[in-house]
Protein backbone atom coordinates (compact mmCIF):
# COMPACT_ATOMS: atom_id res chain seq x y z
CA MET A 1 -21.69 19.36 -9.85
CA LEU A 2 -18.31 19.44 -8.11
CA PHE A 3 -18.50 15.68 -7.58
CA ILE A 4 -19.12 15.07 -11.30
CA LEU A 5 -16.23 17.36 -12.27
CA ARG A 6 -13.92 15.62 -9.83
CA MET A 7 -14.85 12.17 -11.11
CA PHE A 8 -14.21 13.33 -14.69
CA LEU A 9 -10.79 14.70 -13.75
CA MET A 10 -9.96 11.56 -11.76
CA GLY A 11 -10.91 9.40 -14.73
CA LEU A 12 -8.72 11.53 -16.98
CA LEU A 13 -5.86 11.27 -14.47
CA PHE A 14 -6.26 7.49 -14.34
CA VAL A 15 -5.77 7.26 -18.10
CA ILE A 16 -2.92 9.79 -18.37
CA ALA A 17 -1.00 8.38 -15.39
CA GLY A 18 -1.59 4.89 -16.74
CA VAL A 19 -0.13 5.75 -20.15
CA LEU A 20 2.90 7.51 -18.62
CA GLY A 21 3.47 4.64 -16.21
CA LEU A 22 3.18 2.11 -19.02
CA LEU A 23 5.80 3.99 -21.04
CA LEU A 24 8.09 4.01 -18.00
CA GLY A 25 7.57 0.28 -17.57
CA LEU A 26 8.37 -0.40 -21.21
CA CYS A 27 11.57 1.67 -20.96
CA ARG A 28 12.82 -0.19 -17.87
CA PRO A 29 10.60 -3.24 -17.32
CA PHE A 30 10.38 -4.79 -13.84
CA ASN A 31 12.56 -2.15 -12.22
CA PRO A 32 11.39 -2.24 -8.57
CA ASP A 33 11.56 1.56 -8.30
CA ASN A 34 8.93 1.92 -11.02
CA SER A 35 6.22 1.36 -8.42
CA ARG A 36 7.23 4.39 -6.37
CA ILE A 37 7.30 6.66 -9.43
CA CYS A 38 3.98 5.35 -10.76
CA ALA A 39 2.36 5.70 -7.34
CA ARG A 40 3.28 9.36 -7.31
CA LEU A 41 1.99 9.84 -10.86
CA TYR A 42 -1.41 8.86 -9.52
CA SER A 43 -1.24 10.25 -6.01
CA LEU A 44 0.09 13.80 -6.24
CA PRO A 45 -2.34 15.08 -8.92
CA ALA A 46 -5.22 13.21 -7.23
CA LEU A 47 -4.63 14.89 -3.88
CA PHE A 48 -4.75 18.24 -5.68
CA ILE A 49 -7.93 17.37 -7.58
CA LEU A 50 -9.66 16.10 -4.45
CA ARG A 51 -8.24 18.85 -2.25
CA LEU A 52 -7.55 16.17 0.31
CA LYS A 53 -5.22 17.47 3.00
CA LEU A 54 -2.55 14.90 3.72
CA ASP A 55 -0.46 14.95 6.90
CA ALA A 56 2.23 12.27 6.63
CA ASP A 57 4.68 11.37 9.38
CA VAL A 58 6.67 8.64 7.62
CA GLN A 59 10.29 9.70 7.90
CA GLY A 60 11.28 6.36 9.42
CA LEU A 61 9.70 4.52 6.49
CA LEU A 62 11.34 6.63 3.81
CA GLU A 63 14.75 6.48 5.46
CA HIS A 64 14.73 2.74 6.05
CA GLN A 65 17.83 1.35 4.37
CA ARG A 66 17.14 -2.35 3.88
CA SER A 67 14.45 -4.73 2.70
CA CYS A 68 11.31 -4.97 4.80
CA VAL A 69 7.66 -5.93 4.63
CA ILE A 70 5.42 -2.88 4.87
CA ILE A 71 1.87 -3.49 6.13
CA ALA A 72 -0.91 -0.92 5.91
CA ASN A 73 -4.66 -0.78 6.53
CA HIS A 74 -6.78 -1.01 3.39
CA GLN A 75 -9.89 1.15 3.21
CA SER A 76 -10.97 1.83 -0.35
CA ASN A 77 -9.91 2.18 -3.98
CA TYR A 78 -8.74 5.68 -3.04
CA ASP A 79 -5.83 4.12 -1.11
CA LEU A 80 -3.75 4.31 -4.30
CA PHE A 81 -4.09 8.09 -4.26
CA VAL A 82 -3.74 8.47 -0.49
CA VAL A 83 -0.71 6.29 0.24
CA GLY A 84 0.92 6.59 -3.18
CA SER A 85 2.83 9.67 -2.08
CA VAL A 86 4.63 7.80 0.72
CA VAL A 87 5.73 4.63 -1.07
CA PRO A 88 9.49 4.33 -0.43
CA ARG A 89 12.15 3.54 -3.01
CA ARG A 90 12.46 0.01 -4.41
CA THR A 91 9.10 -1.13 -3.07
CA VAL A 92 6.70 -3.42 -4.88
CA SER A 93 3.32 -4.71 -3.83
CA ILE A 94 1.17 -7.83 -4.06
CA GLY A 95 -2.08 -7.68 -5.97
CA LYS A 96 -4.80 -9.89 -7.41
CA GLN A 97 -4.02 -11.45 -10.77
CA SER A 98 -7.25 -9.96 -12.16
CA LEU A 99 -5.61 -6.51 -11.96
CA LYS A 100 -3.64 -7.25 -15.13
CA TRP A 101 -6.85 -6.90 -17.15
CA VAL A 102 -7.46 -3.30 -16.02
CA PRO A 103 -6.54 -1.11 -19.04
CA PHE A 104 -3.23 0.76 -18.65
CA PHE A 105 -3.08 0.30 -14.87
CA GLY A 106 -2.88 -3.48 -14.97
CA GLN A 107 -0.10 -3.55 -17.53
CA LEU A 108 2.00 -0.91 -15.77
CA TYR A 109 1.39 -2.70 -12.44
CA TRP A 110 2.93 -5.84 -13.91
CA LEU A 111 5.80 -4.02 -15.64
CA ALA A 112 6.59 -2.21 -12.39
CA GLY A 113 7.66 -5.53 -10.90
CA ASN A 114 4.68 -6.01 -8.61
CA VAL A 115 3.60 -9.55 -7.73
CA LEU A 116 0.29 -10.82 -9.10
CA ILE A 117 -1.32 -13.72 -7.22
CA ASP A 118 -4.22 -15.96 -8.20
CA ARG A 119 -5.76 -16.50 -4.78
CA GLY A 120 -7.89 -19.32 -6.17
CA ASN A 121 -4.78 -21.31 -7.13
CA ALA A 122 -3.04 -22.44 -3.95
CA GLN A 123 0.05 -23.81 -5.72
CA GLN A 124 0.58 -20.61 -7.72
CA ALA A 125 0.04 -18.49 -4.62
CA ARG A 126 2.64 -20.51 -2.68
CA GLN A 127 5.14 -20.13 -5.53
CA ALA A 128 4.54 -16.38 -5.59
CA MET A 129 5.20 -16.22 -1.84
CA LEU A 130 8.49 -18.08 -2.32
CA THR A 131 9.43 -15.62 -5.05
CA THR A 132 8.70 -12.65 -2.84
CA SER A 133 10.81 -14.12 -0.02
CA GLU A 134 13.74 -14.46 -2.43
CA THR A 135 13.14 -10.88 -3.59
CA LEU A 136 13.31 -9.61 -0.02
CA GLN A 137 16.51 -11.50 0.71
CA GLN A 138 18.48 -10.95 -2.48
CA GLN A 139 17.29 -7.91 -4.40
CA ASP A 140 17.29 -5.01 -1.91
CA THR A 141 13.55 -4.66 -2.44
CA SER A 142 10.70 -4.14 0.01
CA ILE A 143 7.14 -5.38 -0.35
CA TRP A 144 3.98 -3.44 0.51
CA VAL A 145 1.06 -5.57 1.69
CA PHE A 146 -2.48 -4.88 2.85
CA PRO A 147 -2.73 -7.73 5.38
CA GLU A 148 -6.51 -7.45 5.73
CA GLY A 149 -6.77 -8.82 2.20
CA THR A 150 -9.77 -6.66 1.31
CA ARG A 151 -11.14 -3.15 1.87
CA ASN A 152 -12.50 -2.37 5.34
CA LEU A 153 -14.43 0.72 4.09
CA GLY A 154 -13.11 2.81 6.97
CA LYS A 155 -14.98 0.74 9.56
CA GLY A 156 -11.91 -0.49 11.44
CA LEU A 157 -9.26 -3.13 10.93
CA LEU A 158 -10.32 -6.52 9.67
CA PRO A 159 -8.52 -9.70 10.80
CA PHE A 160 -5.07 -10.01 9.28
CA LYS A 161 -4.16 -12.78 6.86
CA LYS A 162 -0.90 -14.69 7.26
CA GLY A 163 0.91 -14.00 3.98
CA ALA A 164 2.82 -10.83 4.90
CA PHE A 165 4.03 -12.33 8.16
CA GLN A 166 5.06 -15.61 6.55
CA MET A 167 7.15 -13.66 4.04
CA ALA A 168 8.81 -11.52 6.69
CA ILE A 169 9.69 -14.49 8.90
CA ALA A 170 10.91 -16.61 5.96
CA ALA A 171 13.13 -13.79 4.69
CA GLY A 172 14.22 -12.65 8.16
CA VAL A 173 13.33 -9.02 7.42
CA PRO A 174 11.55 -6.51 9.68
CA ILE A 175 7.95 -5.39 9.40
CA ILE A 176 7.09 -1.70 9.22
CA PRO A 177 3.42 -0.88 9.96
CA VAL A 178 1.92 2.12 8.14
CA CYS A 179 -1.29 3.49 9.65
CA VAL A 180 -3.83 5.61 7.78
CA SER A 181 -6.62 7.45 9.56
CA ASN A 182 -10.17 6.35 8.74
CA TYR A 183 -10.96 8.62 5.80
CA ALA A 184 -13.14 6.44 3.54
CA GLN A 185 -16.47 7.43 5.08
CA ALA A 186 -15.42 10.98 5.93
CA MET A 187 -14.43 12.22 2.46
CA ARG A 188 -16.71 14.95 1.16
CA LEU A 189 -16.26 14.66 -2.60
CA ASN A 190 -18.93 17.25 -3.33
CA SER A 191 -17.26 19.88 -1.11
CA TRP A 192 -14.41 22.18 -2.11
CA ASN A 193 -12.16 20.59 0.52
CA ALA A 194 -12.73 16.84 0.58
CA GLY A 195 -11.29 16.48 4.09
CA GLY A 196 -8.10 15.41 5.79
CA VAL A 197 -6.15 12.22 6.21
CA MET A 198 -3.17 11.37 8.39
CA ILE A 199 -0.52 8.71 7.76
CA ARG A 200 2.04 7.54 10.28
CA SER A 201 4.71 4.85 10.02
CA LEU A 202 5.61 2.96 13.18
CA PRO A 203 9.06 1.70 14.23
CA GLU A 204 10.14 -1.52 12.59
CA ILE A 205 9.22 -4.81 14.24
CA SER A 206 12.05 -7.34 14.04
CA THR A 207 11.43 -10.92 12.92
CA ARG A 208 14.98 -12.04 13.62
CA GLY A 209 15.00 -15.50 15.21
CA LEU A 210 11.24 -15.97 14.79
CA THR A 211 9.67 -19.11 13.36
CA LEU A 212 6.22 -19.81 11.98
CA ALA A 213 5.24 -20.89 15.50
CA ASP A 214 5.71 -17.25 16.56
CA MET A 215 3.48 -15.92 13.79
CA PRO A 216 0.18 -15.65 15.73
CA GLN A 217 1.83 -13.49 18.39
CA LEU A 218 3.55 -11.39 15.71
CA MET A 219 0.26 -10.81 13.91
CA GLU A 220 -1.49 -9.90 17.15
CA ARG A 221 1.29 -7.46 18.09
CA CYS A 222 1.20 -5.73 14.70
CA GLN A 223 -2.59 -5.45 14.65
CA ALA A 224 -2.72 -4.07 18.21
CA GLN A 225 -0.08 -1.42 17.44
CA MET A 226 -1.84 -0.39 14.24
CA GLN A 227 -5.26 -0.25 15.89
CA THR A 228 -3.94 2.00 18.65
CA CYS A 229 -2.19 4.29 16.18
CA ILE A 230 -5.22 4.59 13.87
CA GLU A 231 -7.42 5.52 16.84
CA GLN A 232 -4.88 8.19 17.82
CA LEU A 233 -4.85 9.60 14.29
CA ASP A 234 -8.65 9.70 14.20
CA ARG A 235 -8.73 11.60 17.49
CA GLN A 236 -6.13 14.08 16.23
CA LEU A 237 -8.17 14.72 13.07
CA ALA A 238 -11.38 15.12 15.05
CA GLY A 239 -9.72 17.68 17.31
CA ALA A 240 -8.05 19.63 14.50
């Protein structure tokens, strides 16, 4: 019964937050700070509805003063509600072009200045990557990417794709890893308290002086740091 009630309230939240976010986007279209506000419209009420205890150690991320590429592990559709509360100012994300057809959410996602990519169209995807590199260099805007490219369902990091690292190297901006404990399989949506989740941002990783030849080592370094951190967060939650 509690699960059904929660899903009803989450559905209602999805519509209400979508309408409010769409109005915000219409009032100031493509403002890169729209994403942060919209993320919180979804996240903060959702955490209350789910009674999901969030422990976030992301001061370094929120206080970062210049453009960067933010990479995070991608577990489930609930990521919007989990990480939405820690999206920093002037941060947009990259999503599938098909998102624009999702009622309310898709339209506000576009109006918030996020980048939509058709992964089946290589030329369009390359052009979008060039656009994001220019955004990082010239518009004081950061980009949030899930480098796994798909949901890992809380079963551990999947291999990283190259896009986020190509952007960071091309723009000469640092990478900030954001690690989320494995919550996707542990959430108890039919219990009063759905569980706990921990988020931690790691120190920035510089790309200054790097070329595309350095990308495999950069990807390996980022994945190793994130894997270690996620395992630490999981142990902390298990011992809490």
